[in-house]
Amino acid sequence: MAGIHPSAVIAEGAVIGPDCEIGPFCVVGADVVLGRAVTLKSHVVLDGDTHIGDETVVFSFAVLGEIPQDLKFDGENTKLRIGARNRIREHVTMNTGTTGGGGVTVIGDDNLFMAGCHIAHDAQVGDRVIVVNNSAIAGHCVLEDDVIVGGLCGVHQFVRIGKGAIIGALSMVTSDVIPHGLVMGQRGELDGLNLVGLKRKGVARGDITALRAAFQMLKDGEGTFHDRAEKLRDESDSAYVQDMVRFILGHSDRGFLTPK
């Protein structure tokens, strides 16, 4: 059973899972699929080929699954996939993908999207990510698990933000951010490691020490940034450092924010 307010508009073909709650004046399109116990507060709009996972809560005036804000889009069938237990606050917008970007925007599990933030076409967002009020994640971006993006930030198209990184408020991020990196400044600069986040997650002191040494190597070592990462790959046995190396040696469309 689902609780659907009489004023809600549910298009024929929409799939509403058990124990869903759909509040007043919500609009749910024909290709929308809601998992178990999804809650839509009042005035939520869901459209397009959009799937929302179990126990996700969507607050008033959010618009999810509308077409991408891309002038090349020509009505292709693209998708938005949102995982379980997400909290999507007021006025959040998330668009479907584009054929040129893989055709699907993906949101993982257990994320918090605060009021007014935007997730653009073809973005790939992991698990336990927090995007704070009025920040914008542009098209084709990748946010790995446990990323925090502060308020009023902008993340440029094709930027990757590595696992556990934190972006300070009011930053414009134009290049990739290494895992567990700390970015600050109006034109975002890599200013250290997210040590507070690592400690909160209970990361062992030895791994934190290894990450700090790796960061120093990336900052002051010989050769290019890529060369330094390859040296770390050969010398460090910390899984956290190896994850950082994997990220740096992976494909990048934007280059990297490097240590000051």
C-alpha atoms as a PDB file:
ATOM      1  CA  MET A   1       0.000   0.000   0.000  1.00  0.00           C
ATOM      2  CA  ALA A   2       1.078   3.573  -0.669  1.00  0.00           C
ATOM      3  CA  GLY A   3      -0.280   6.799   0.763  1.00  0.00           C
ATOM      4  CA  ILE A   4      -1.057   9.211  -2.087  1.00  0.00           C
ATOM      5  CA  HIS A   5      -2.593  12.609  -1.431  1.00  0.00           C
ATOM      6  CA  PRO A   6      -5.699  13.272  -3.558  1.00  0.00           C
ATOM      7  CA  SER A   7      -4.111  16.374  -5.098  1.00  0.00           C
ATOM      8  CA  ALA A   8      -1.023  14.486  -6.363  1.00  0.00           C
ATOM      9  CA  VAL A   9      -0.850  13.782 -10.115  1.00  0.00           C
ATOM     10  CA  ILE A  10       0.491  10.313 -10.943  1.00  0.00           C
ATOM     11  CA  ALA A  11       0.839   9.577 -14.659  1.00  0.00           C
ATOM     12  CA  GLU A  12      -0.301   6.239 -16.004  1.00  0.00           C
ATOM     13  CA  GLY A  13       2.702   3.924 -16.196  1.00  0.00           C
ATOM     14  CA  ALA A  14       4.496   5.221 -13.103  1.00  0.00           C
ATOM     15  CA  VAL A  15       5.542   2.497 -10.666  1.00  0.00           C
ATOM     16  CA  ILE A  16       4.952   3.289  -7.005  1.00  0.00           C
ATOM     17  CA  GLY A  17       6.574   0.898  -4.527  1.00  0.00           C
ATOM     18  CA  PRO A  18       5.042  -0.350  -1.275  1.00  0.00           C
ATOM     19  CA  ASP A  19       4.794   2.000   1.699  1.00  0.00           C
ATOM     20  CA  CYS A  20       5.524   5.118  -0.359  1.00  0.00           C
ATOM     21  CA  GLU A  21       4.126   8.451   0.812  1.00  0.00           C
ATOM     22  CA  ILE A  22       3.294  11.015  -1.856  1.00  0.00           C
ATOM     23  CA  GLY A  23       2.279  14.406  -0.509  1.00  0.00           C
ATOM     24  CA  PRO A  24       0.011  17.133  -1.850  1.00  0.00           C
ATOM     25  CA  PHE A  25       0.545  18.625  -5.304  1.00  0.00           C
ATOM     26  CA  CYS A  26       3.348  16.253  -6.302  1.00  0.00           C
ATOM     27  CA  VAL A  27       3.689  15.340  -9.977  1.00  0.00           C
ATOM     28  CA  VAL A  28       5.087  11.939 -10.967  1.00  0.00           C
ATOM     29  CA  GLY A  29       5.785  11.179 -14.638  1.00  0.00           C
ATOM     30  CA  ALA A  30       4.955   8.038 -16.581  1.00  0.00           C
ATOM     31  CA  ASP A  31       8.497   6.603 -16.615  1.00  0.00           C
ATOM     32  CA  VAL A  32       9.232   7.134 -12.930  1.00  0.00           C
ATOM     33  CA  VAL A  33       9.878   4.146 -10.654  1.00  0.00           C
ATOM     34  CA  LEU A  34       9.806   4.553  -6.867  1.00  0.00           C
ATOM     35  CA  GLY A  35      11.237   1.865  -4.589  1.00  0.00           C
ATOM     36  CA  ARG A  36       9.934   0.868  -1.180  1.00  0.00           C
ATOM     37  CA  ALA A  37       9.017   3.548   1.360  1.00  0.00           C
ATOM     38  CA  VAL A  38      10.024   6.534  -0.754  1.00  0.00           C
ATOM     39  CA  THR A  39       8.625   9.778   0.661  1.00  0.00           C
ATOM     40  CA  LEU A  40       7.755  12.777  -1.480  1.00  0.00           C
ATOM     41  CA  LYS A  41       6.872  15.875   0.502  1.00  0.00           C
ATOM     42  CA  SER A  42       4.548  18.408  -1.112  1.00  0.00           C
ATOM     43  CA  HIS A  43       5.119  19.955  -4.565  1.00  0.00           C
ATOM     44  CA  VAL A  44       7.814  17.518  -5.737  1.00  0.00           C
ATOM     45  CA  VAL A  45       8.177  17.035  -9.511  1.00  0.00           C
ATOM     46  CA  LEU A  46       9.592  13.761 -10.861  1.00  0.00           C
ATOM     47  CA  ASP A  47       9.885  13.292 -14.611  1.00  0.00           C
ATOM     48  CA  GLY A  48      11.811  11.382 -17.262  1.00  0.00           C
ATOM     49  CA  ASP A  49      13.231   7.879 -16.951  1.00  0.00           C
ATOM     50  CA  THR A  50      13.919   8.272 -13.243  1.00  0.00           C
ATOM     51  CA  HIS A  51      14.319   5.531 -10.638  1.00  0.00           C
ATOM     52  CA  ILE A  52      14.500   6.353  -6.917  1.00  0.00           C
ATOM     53  CA  GLY A  53      15.710   3.785  -4.389  1.00  0.00           C
ATOM     54  CA  ASP A  54      14.179   2.580  -1.150  1.00  0.00           C
ATOM     55  CA  GLU A  55      13.583   4.969   1.768  1.00  0.00           C
ATOM     56  CA  THR A  56      14.738   8.068  -0.064  1.00  0.00           C
ATOM     57  CA  VAL A  57      13.047  11.282   1.105  1.00  0.00           C
ATOM     58  CA  VAL A  58      12.481  14.142  -1.344  1.00  0.00           C
ATOM     59  CA  PHE A  59      11.494  17.502   0.091  1.00  0.00           C
ATOM     60  CA  SER A  60       9.233  20.211  -1.306  1.00  0.00           C
ATOM     61  CA  PHE A  61       9.894  21.856  -4.678  1.00  0.00           C
ATOM     62  CA  ALA A  62      12.671  19.486  -5.733  1.00  0.00           C
ATOM     63  CA  VAL A  63      12.670  18.707  -9.465  1.00  0.00           C
ATOM     64  CA  LEU A  64      14.274  15.408 -10.413  1.00  0.00           C
ATOM     65  CA  GLY A  65      14.602  13.853 -13.863  1.00  0.00           C
ATOM     66  CA  GLU A  66      13.992  16.859 -16.078  1.00  0.00           C
ATOM     67  CA  ILE A  67      15.963  17.092 -19.331  1.00  0.00           C
ATOM     68  CA  PRO A  68      19.627  18.185 -19.166  1.00  0.00           C
ATOM     69  CA  GLN A  69      20.589  21.833 -19.431  1.00  0.00           C
ATOM     70  CA  ASP A  70      22.628  21.125 -22.544  1.00  0.00           C
ATOM     71  CA  LEU A  71      21.849  22.728 -25.895  1.00  0.00           C
ATOM     72  CA  LYS A  72      23.027  19.566 -27.680  1.00  0.00           C
ATOM     73  CA  PHE A  73      20.235  17.552 -26.089  1.00  0.00           C
ATOM     74  CA  ASP A  74      17.644  16.620 -28.699  1.00  0.00           C
ATOM     75  CA  GLY A  75      15.081  14.592 -26.807  1.00  0.00           C
ATOM     76  CA  GLU A  76      17.013  11.333 -26.528  1.00  0.00           C
ATOM     77  CA  ASN A  77      15.924   8.728 -23.971  1.00  0.00           C
ATOM     78  CA  THR A  78      18.335   9.283 -21.085  1.00  0.00           C
ATOM     79  CA  LYS A  79      18.127   8.341 -17.428  1.00  0.00           C
ATOM     80  CA  LEU A  80      18.461   9.391 -13.802  1.00  0.00           C
ATOM     81  CA  ARG A  81      19.208   6.672 -11.245  1.00  0.00           C
ATOM     82  CA  ILE A  82      19.051   7.555  -7.541  1.00  0.00           C
ATOM     83  CA  GLY A  83      19.967   5.003  -4.885  1.00  0.00           C
ATOM     84  CA  ALA A  84      18.584   4.225  -1.444  1.00  0.00           C
ATOM     85  CA  ARG A  85      18.185   6.315   1.706  1.00  0.00           C
ATOM     86  CA  ASN A  86      19.061   9.639   0.125  1.00  0.00           C
ATOM     87  CA  ARG A  87      17.826  12.907   1.608  1.00  0.00           C
ATOM     88  CA  ILE A  88      17.066  15.412  -1.136  1.00  0.00           C
ATOM     89  CA  ARG A  89      16.112  18.770   0.324  1.00  0.00           C
ATOM     90  CA  GLU A  90      14.063  21.695  -0.930  1.00  0.00           C
ATOM     91  CA  HIS A  91      14.609  23.075  -4.449  1.00  0.00           C
ATOM     92  CA  VAL A  92      17.254  20.493  -5.403  1.00  0.00           C
ATOM     93  CA  THR A  93      17.485  19.784  -9.139  1.00  0.00           C
ATOM     94  CA  MET A  94      18.934  16.672 -10.783  1.00  0.00           C
ATOM     95  CA  ASN A  95      18.898  16.125 -14.545  1.00  0.00           C
ATOM     96  CA  THR A  96      18.966  13.033 -16.702  1.00  0.00           C
ATOM     97  CA  GLY A  97      22.065  12.226 -18.763  1.00  0.00           C
ATOM     98  CA  THR A  98      23.038  12.908 -22.355  1.00  0.00           C
ATOM     99  CA  THR A  99      23.970  10.441 -25.074  1.00  0.00           C
ATOM    100  CA  GLY A 100      27.389  12.067 -25.352  1.00  0.00           C
ATOM    101  CA  GLY A 101      28.036  11.502 -21.642  1.00  0.00           C
ATOM    102  CA  GLY A 102      26.855   7.917 -21.305  1.00  0.00           C
ATOM    103  CA  GLY A 103      23.135   8.588 -21.073  1.00  0.00           C
ATOM    104  CA  VAL A 104      22.692   8.326 -17.310  1.00  0.00           C
ATOM    105  CA  THR A 105      23.151  10.458 -14.206  1.00  0.00           C
ATOM    106  CA  VAL A 106      23.874   8.227 -11.199  1.00  0.00           C
ATOM    107  CA  ILE A 107      23.412   8.979  -7.498  1.00  0.00           C
ATOM    108  CA  GLY A 108      24.504   6.372  -4.942  1.00  0.00           C
ATOM    109  CA  ASP A 109      23.180   5.602  -1.460  1.00  0.00           C
ATOM    110  CA  ASP A 110      22.951   7.508   1.835  1.00  0.00           C
ATOM    111  CA  ASN A 111      23.695  10.959   0.404  1.00  0.00           C
ATOM    112  CA  LEU A 112      22.509  14.361   1.615  1.00  0.00           C
ATOM    113  CA  PHE A 113      21.739  17.058  -0.928  1.00  0.00           C
ATOM    114  CA  MET A 114      20.959  20.281   0.923  1.00  0.00           C
ATOM    115  CA  ALA A 115      18.544  22.944  -0.240  1.00  0.00           C
ATOM    116  CA  GLY A 116      19.059  24.502  -3.643  1.00  0.00           C
ATOM    117  CA  CYS A 117      21.945  22.389  -4.924  1.00  0.00           C
ATOM    118  CA  HIS A 118      22.144  21.133  -8.522  1.00  0.00           C
ATOM    119  CA  ILE A 119      23.412  17.853  -9.981  1.00  0.00           C
ATOM    120  CA  ALA A 120      23.850  18.170 -13.733  1.00  0.00           C
ATOM    121  CA  HIS A 121      23.656  15.658 -16.567  1.00  0.00           C
ATOM    122  CA  ASP A 122      25.907  12.570 -16.563  1.00  0.00           C
ATOM    123  CA  ALA A 123      27.310  13.269 -13.090  1.00  0.00           C
ATOM    124  CA  GLN A 124      28.361  10.189 -11.119  1.00  0.00           C
ATOM    125  CA  VAL A 125      27.929  10.576  -7.353  1.00  0.00           C
ATOM    126  CA  GLY A 126      29.004   7.836  -4.939  1.00  0.00           C
ATOM    127  CA  ASP A 127      27.774   6.977  -1.450  1.00  0.00           C
ATOM    128  CA  ARG A 128      27.604   9.107   1.723  1.00  0.00           C
ATOM    129  CA  VAL A 129      28.265  12.320  -0.195  1.00  0.00           C
ATOM    130  CA  ILE A 130      27.139  15.675   1.198  1.00  0.00           C
ATOM    131  CA  VAL A 131      26.485  18.609  -1.135  1.00  0.00           C
ATOM    132  CA  VAL A 132      25.735  21.731   0.895  1.00  0.00           C
ATOM    133  CA  ASN A 133      23.243  24.482   0.096  1.00  0.00           C
ATOM    134  CA  ASN A 134      23.292  26.152  -3.318  1.00  0.00           C
ATOM    135  CA  SER A 135      26.321  24.306  -4.690  1.00  0.00           C
ATOM    136  CA  ALA A 136      26.375  23.206  -8.321  1.00  0.00           C
ATOM    137  CA  ILE A 137      27.925  20.011  -9.672  1.00  0.00           C
ATOM    138  CA  ALA A 138      28.363  20.439 -13.414  1.00  0.00           C
ATOM    139  CA  GLY A 139      27.947  17.899 -16.177  1.00  0.00           C
ATOM    140  CA  HIS A 140      30.126  14.759 -16.336  1.00  0.00           C
ATOM    141  CA  CYS A 141      31.609  15.276 -12.847  1.00  0.00           C
ATOM    142  CA  VAL A 142      32.555  12.334 -10.626  1.00  0.00           C
ATOM    143  CA  LEU A 143      32.216  12.561  -6.839  1.00  0.00           C
ATOM    144  CA  GLU A 144      33.568   9.454  -5.150  1.00  0.00           C
ATOM    145  CA  ASP A 145      32.353   8.131  -1.780  1.00  0.00           C
ATOM    146  CA  ASP A 146      32.375  10.300   1.363  1.00  0.00           C
ATOM    147  CA  VAL A 147      32.991  13.613  -0.435  1.00  0.00           C
ATOM    148  CA  ILE A 148      31.769  16.844   1.162  1.00  0.00           C
ATOM    149  CA  VAL A 149      31.145  19.909  -1.021  1.00  0.00           C
ATOM    150  CA  GLY A 150      30.667  23.077   1.027  1.00  0.00           C
ATOM    151  CA  GLY A 151      28.030  25.724   0.456  1.00  0.00           C
ATOM    152  CA  LEU A 152      27.962  28.010  -2.590  1.00  0.00           C
ATOM    153  CA  CYS A 153      30.608  25.973  -4.442  1.00  0.00           C
ATOM    154  CA  GLY A 154      30.901  25.349  -8.153  1.00  0.00           C
ATOM    155  CA  VAL A 155      32.481  22.221  -9.610  1.00  0.00           C
ATOM    156  CA  HIS A 156      33.540  22.520 -13.267  1.00  0.00           C
ATOM    157  CA  GLN A 157      32.487  20.048 -15.955  1.00  0.00           C
ATOM    158  CA  PHE A 158      34.447  16.760 -16.065  1.00  0.00           C
ATOM    159  CA  VAL A 159      36.110  17.341 -12.681  1.00  0.00           C
ATOM    160  CA  ARG A 160      36.689  14.278 -10.471  1.00  0.00           C
ATOM    161  CA  ILE A 161      36.708  14.595  -6.695  1.00  0.00           C
ATOM    162  CA  GLY A 162      38.376  11.666  -4.967  1.00  0.00           C
ATOM    163  CA  LYS A 163      37.082   9.630  -2.046  1.00  0.00           C
ATOM    164  CA  GLY A 164      36.885  11.458   1.274  1.00  0.00           C
ATOM    165  CA  ALA A 165      37.853  14.879  -0.092  1.00  0.00           C
ATOM    166  CA  ILE A 166      36.329  18.066   1.299  1.00  0.00           C
ATOM    167  CA  ILE A 167      35.697  21.313  -0.593  1.00  0.00           C
ATOM    168  CA  GLY A 168      35.490  24.442   1.530  1.00  0.00           C
ATOM    169  CA  ALA A 169      32.591  26.857   1.099  1.00  0.00           C
ATOM    170  CA  LEU A 170      32.650  29.448  -1.680  1.00  0.00           C
ATOM    171  CA  SER A 171      35.226  27.528  -3.747  1.00  0.00           C
ATOM    172  CA  MET A 172      35.292  27.164  -7.526  1.00  0.00           C
ATOM    173  CA  VAL A 173      36.884  23.797  -8.370  1.00  0.00           C
ATOM    174  CA  THR A 174      38.296  23.599 -11.891  1.00  0.00           C
ATOM    175  CA  SER A 175      40.621  20.573 -11.652  1.00  0.00           C
ATOM    176  CA  ASP A 176      40.571  17.087 -10.124  1.00  0.00           C
ATOM    177  CA  VAL A 177      40.941  16.726  -6.346  1.00  0.00           C
ATOM    178  CA  ILE A 178      42.957  13.827  -4.912  1.00  0.00           C
ATOM    179  CA  PRO A 179      41.282  11.441  -2.421  1.00  0.00           C
ATOM    180  CA  HIS A 180      41.130  12.908   1.096  1.00  0.00           C
ATOM    181  CA  GLY A 181      42.242  16.284  -0.228  1.00  0.00           C
ATOM    182  CA  LEU A 182      41.266  19.595   1.375  1.00  0.00           C
ATOM    183  CA  VAL A 183      40.382  22.405  -1.039  1.00  0.00           C
ATOM    184  CA  MET A 184      39.937  26.028   0.030  1.00  0.00           C
ATOM    185  CA  GLY A 185      39.803  29.456  -1.581  1.00  0.00           C
ATOM    186  CA  GLN A 186      37.630  31.241  -4.120  1.00  0.00           C
ATOM    187  CA  ARG A 187      39.672  29.661  -6.898  1.00  0.00           C
ATOM    188  CA  GLY A 188      40.032  26.358  -5.125  1.00  0.00           C
ATOM    189  CA  GLU A 189      43.561  25.308  -4.146  1.00  0.00           C
ATOM    190  CA  LEU A 190      44.707  22.011  -2.673  1.00  0.00           C
ATOM    191  CA  ASP A 191      45.571  23.093   0.858  1.00  0.00           C
ATOM    192  CA  GLY A 192      46.254  19.796   2.629  1.00  0.00           C
ATOM    193  CA  LEU A 193      44.420  16.637   3.664  1.00  0.00           C
ATOM    194  CA  ASN A 194      40.994  16.194   5.198  1.00  0.00           C
ATOM    195  CA  LEU A 195      42.509  15.037   8.496  1.00  0.00           C
ATOM    196  CA  VAL A 196      39.349  15.717  10.483  1.00  0.00           C
ATOM    197  CA  GLY A 197      37.348  13.486   8.160  1.00  0.00           C
ATOM    198  CA  LEU A 198      39.932  10.707   8.345  1.00  0.00           C
ATOM    199  CA  LYS A 199      39.918  10.786  12.150  1.00  0.00           C
ATOM    200  CA  ARG A 200      36.129  10.816  12.301  1.00  0.00           C
ATOM    201  CA  LYS A 201      36.058   7.673  10.166  1.00  0.00           C
ATOM    202  CA  GLY A 202      38.455   5.954  12.554  1.00  0.00           C
ATOM    203  CA  VAL A 203      41.288   5.580  10.041  1.00  0.00           C
ATOM    204  CA  ALA A 204      44.336   4.080  11.737  1.00  0.00           C
ATOM    205  CA  ARG A 205      47.102   6.464  12.772  1.00  0.00           C
ATOM    206  CA  GLY A 206      49.587   4.582  10.598  1.00  0.00           C
ATOM    207  CA  ASP A 207      47.486   5.165   7.492  1.00  0.00           C
ATOM    208  CA  ILE A 208      47.056   8.859   8.327  1.00  0.00           C
ATOM    209  CA  THR A 209      50.822   9.154   8.773  1.00  0.00           C
ATOM    210  CA  ALA A 210      51.337   7.405   5.415  1.00  0.00           C
ATOM    211  CA  LEU A 211      48.877   9.785   3.731  1.00  0.00           C
ATOM    212  CA  ARG A 212      50.652  12.823   5.190  1.00  0.00           C
ATOM    213  CA  ALA A 213      53.986  11.524   3.924  1.00  0.00           C
ATOM    214  CA  ALA A 214      52.445  10.859   0.520  1.00  0.00           C
ATOM    215  CA  PHE A 215      51.045  14.370   0.375  1.00  0.00           C
ATOM    216  CA  GLN A 216      54.479  15.787   1.190  1.00  0.00           C
ATOM    217  CA  MET A 217      55.983  13.663  -1.577  1.00  0.00           C
ATOM    218  CA  LEU A 218      53.382  14.928  -4.052  1.00  0.00           C
ATOM    219  CA  LYS A 219      54.165  18.479  -2.973  1.00  0.00           C
ATOM    220  CA  ASP A 220      57.972  18.451  -2.827  1.00  0.00           C
ATOM    221  CA  GLY A 221      59.196  15.335  -4.630  1.00  0.00           C
ATOM    222  CA  GLU A 222      61.211  15.302  -7.826  1.00  0.00           C
ATOM    223  CA  GLY A 223      59.718  15.003 -11.282  1.00  0.00           C
ATOM    224  CA  THR A 224      56.189  15.713 -12.459  1.00  0.00           C
ATOM    225  CA  PHE A 225      53.075  15.178 -10.369  1.00  0.00           C
ATOM    226  CA  HIS A 226      52.494  11.946 -12.305  1.00  0.00           C
ATOM    227  CA  ASP A 227      56.076  10.811 -11.666  1.00  0.00           C
ATOM    228  CA  ARG A 228      55.668  11.360  -7.936  1.00  0.00           C
ATOM    229  CA  ALA A 229      52.474   9.310  -7.908  1.00  0.00           C
ATOM    230  CA  GLU A 230      54.214   6.442  -9.688  1.00  0.00           C
ATOM    231  CA  LYS A 231      56.976   6.527  -7.079  1.00  0.00           C
ATOM    232  CA  LEU A 232      54.385   6.330  -4.316  1.00  0.00           C
ATOM    233  CA  ARG A 233      52.802   3.340  -6.028  1.00  0.00           C
ATOM    234  CA  ASP A 234      56.096   1.490  -5.838  1.00  0.00           C
ATOM    235  CA  GLU A 235      57.071   2.535  -2.322  1.00  0.00           C
ATOM    236  CA  SER A 236      53.950   2.648  -0.128  1.00  0.00           C
ATOM    237  CA  ASP A 237      52.017  -0.342   1.203  1.00  0.00           C
ATOM    238  CA  SER A 238      49.175   1.753   2.689  1.00  0.00           C
ATOM    239  CA  ALA A 239      45.820   0.963   1.066  1.00  0.00           C
ATOM    240  CA  TYR A 240      44.833   4.622   1.472  1.00  0.00           C
ATOM    241  CA  VAL A 241      47.938   5.816  -0.357  1.00  0.00           C
ATOM    242  CA  GLN A 242      47.408   3.243  -3.086  1.00  0.00           C
ATOM    243  CA  ASP A 243      43.835   4.483  -3.514  1.00  0.00           C
ATOM    244  CA  MET A 244      45.201   7.997  -3.947  1.00  0.00           C
ATOM    245  CA  VAL A 245      47.741   6.732  -6.508  1.00  0.00           C
ATOM    246  CA  ARG A 246      44.996   4.902  -8.413  1.00  0.00           C
ATOM    247  CA  PHE A 247      43.038   8.119  -8.656  1.00  0.00           C
ATOM    248  CA  ILE A 248      45.996  10.205  -9.827  1.00  0.00           C
ATOM    249  CA  LEU A 249      47.102   7.685 -12.443  1.00  0.00           C
ATOM    250  CA  GLY A 250      43.560   7.284 -13.756  1.00  0.00           C
ATOM    251  CA  HIS A 251      42.084   9.205 -16.673  1.00  0.00           C
ATOM    252  CA  SER A 252      41.701  12.936 -16.087  1.00  0.00           C
ATOM    253  CA  ASP A 253      40.044  15.458 -18.383  1.00  0.00           C
ATOM    254  CA  ARG A 254      40.894  18.466 -16.250  1.00  0.00           C
ATOM    255  CA  GLY A 255      44.334  17.858 -14.700  1.00  0.00           C
ATOM    256  CA  PHE A 256      44.832  18.140 -10.936  1.00  0.00           C
ATOM    257  CA  LEU A 257      44.832  20.663  -8.201  1.00  0.00           C
ATOM    258  CA  THR A 258      48.366  20.224  -6.886  1.00  0.00           C
ATOM    259  CA  PRO A 259      49.710  21.061  -3.406  1.00  0.00           C
ATOM    260  CA  LYS A 260      50.732  24.680  -2.879  1.00  0.00           C
END
